[in-house]
Amino acid sequence: MQKIILASQSPRRKQLLEWAEIPFDVLVKETDETYPAGLAMDEIAIHIARNKALAIKHPGNIPILAADTIVVLDHHIIGKPADREDAVRILSMLSVNNTK
């Protein structure tokens, strides 16, 4: 099986590839995770993942797997927490909303 490039630091994505016994190397480049205003909610993660893949400059014809995850609550994207307090606030908000 051909080796691929995983353009992600996600432990879960790495684990899934290991379970599937797909040979891979991790290669991550810091990329801008912003997106154009007005982009449809279901296109945002695709836009960011595409930018992650395009940031990888690798010689040859090696497939690149890039992905991004967004969390949406009440039609608003919940960004990455700024600190521990913000993470607790976000998790509490998601937990309360999940019980409705």
Protein backbone atom coordinates (compact mmCIF):
# COMPACT_ATOMS: atom_id res chain seq x y z
CA MET A 1 0.00 0.00 0.00
CA GLN A 2 1.29 3.45 -0.92
CA LYS A 3 2.32 5.73 1.92
CA ILE A 4 0.34 8.94 2.36
CA ILE A 5 1.02 12.28 4.03
CA LEU A 6 -1.21 13.15 6.97
CA ALA A 7 -1.41 16.94 7.12
CA SER A 8 -2.77 16.95 10.65
CA GLN A 9 -1.53 16.78 14.22
CA SER A 10 -4.77 15.16 15.36
CA PRO A 11 -4.07 12.12 17.54
CA ARG A 12 -7.44 10.69 16.51
CA ARG A 13 -6.72 10.92 12.77
CA LYS A 14 -3.33 9.31 13.35
CA GLN A 15 -4.95 6.53 15.35
CA LEU A 16 -7.54 5.87 12.65
CA LEU A 17 -4.84 5.50 9.99
CA GLU A 18 -2.87 3.17 12.26
CA TRP A 19 -5.96 1.03 12.85
CA ALA A 20 -6.56 0.90 9.10
CA GLU A 21 -2.89 -0.12 8.67
CA ILE A 22 -2.30 2.68 6.18
CA PRO A 23 1.35 3.74 6.08
CA PHE A 24 1.75 7.48 6.56
CA ASP A 25 4.05 10.31 7.55
CA VAL A 26 2.84 13.35 9.44
CA LEU A 27 3.75 16.64 7.80
CA VAL A 28 2.09 19.79 9.06
CA LYS A 29 2.59 23.38 7.97
CA GLU A 30 1.08 26.23 9.93
CA THR A 31 -1.79 27.61 7.88
CA ASP A 32 -4.32 30.38 8.13
CA GLU A 33 -7.60 28.95 9.40
CA THR A 34 -9.76 31.89 8.40
CA TYR A 35 -12.37 31.66 5.69
CA PRO A 36 -14.16 34.07 3.36
CA ALA A 37 -17.14 35.92 4.78
CA GLY A 38 -20.36 34.48 3.48
CA LEU A 39 -18.95 30.99 2.96
CA ALA A 40 -21.65 28.40 3.64
CA MET A 41 -21.31 26.71 7.04
CA ASP A 42 -20.91 23.28 5.44
CA GLU A 43 -18.03 24.54 3.26
CA ILE A 44 -15.87 26.09 6.00
CA ALA A 45 -14.10 22.92 7.18
CA ILE A 46 -13.52 21.92 3.54
CA HIS A 47 -11.99 25.33 2.78
CA ILE A 48 -9.62 25.12 5.76
CA ALA A 49 -8.66 21.50 5.03
CA ARG A 50 -7.93 22.36 1.40
CA ASN A 51 -5.59 25.15 2.54
CA LYS A 52 -3.81 22.72 4.87
CA ALA A 53 -3.27 20.27 2.01
CA LEU A 54 -2.09 22.99 -0.38
CA ALA A 55 0.44 24.21 2.21
CA ILE A 56 2.27 20.87 2.01
CA LYS A 57 5.02 21.05 -0.57
CA HIS A 58 6.04 17.46 -1.11
CA PRO A 59 7.89 16.11 -4.12
CA GLY A 60 6.38 13.25 -6.00
CA ASN A 61 2.90 11.93 -6.35
CA ILE A 62 2.09 11.14 -2.72
CA PRO A 63 -1.54 11.55 -1.62
CA ILE A 64 -2.09 14.13 1.10
CA LEU A 65 -4.86 13.70 3.67
CA ALA A 66 -5.93 16.93 5.33
CA ALA A 67 -9.01 17.60 7.43
CA ASP A 68 -10.51 20.16 9.74
CA THR A 69 -13.25 20.05 12.31
CA ILE A 70 -15.55 22.85 13.34
CA VAL A 71 -18.07 22.90 16.16
CA VAL A 72 -21.37 24.64 15.46
CA LEU A 73 -23.90 25.65 18.09
CA ASP A 74 -27.12 27.46 17.19
CA HIS A 75 -25.73 28.27 13.73
CA HIS A 76 -22.57 29.86 15.21
CA ILE A 77 -19.07 28.42 14.89
CA ILE A 78 -17.44 27.83 18.24
CA GLY A 79 -13.75 28.64 17.84
CA LYS A 80 -10.80 27.19 19.67
CA PRO A 81 -10.75 28.19 23.33
CA ALA A 82 -8.40 31.01 24.25
CA ASP A 83 -7.52 29.46 27.61
CA ARG A 84 -8.73 26.96 30.20
CA GLU A 85 -11.50 29.26 31.44
CA ASP A 86 -12.78 29.71 27.91
CA ALA A 87 -12.67 25.94 27.35
CA VAL A 88 -14.77 25.36 30.47
CA ARG A 89 -17.24 28.03 29.30
CA ILE A 90 -17.55 26.42 25.86
CA LEU A 91 -17.95 22.89 27.24
CA SER A 92 -20.59 24.11 29.70
CA MET A 93 -22.46 25.87 26.91
CA LEU A 94 -22.37 22.74 24.74
CA SER A 95 -23.43 20.55 27.67
CA VAL A 96 -26.39 22.73 28.58
CA ASN A 97 -27.47 22.93 24.96
CA ASN A 98 -27.20 19.16 24.57
CA THR A 99 -29.77 18.54 27.32
CA LYS A 100 -32.51 20.51 25.54
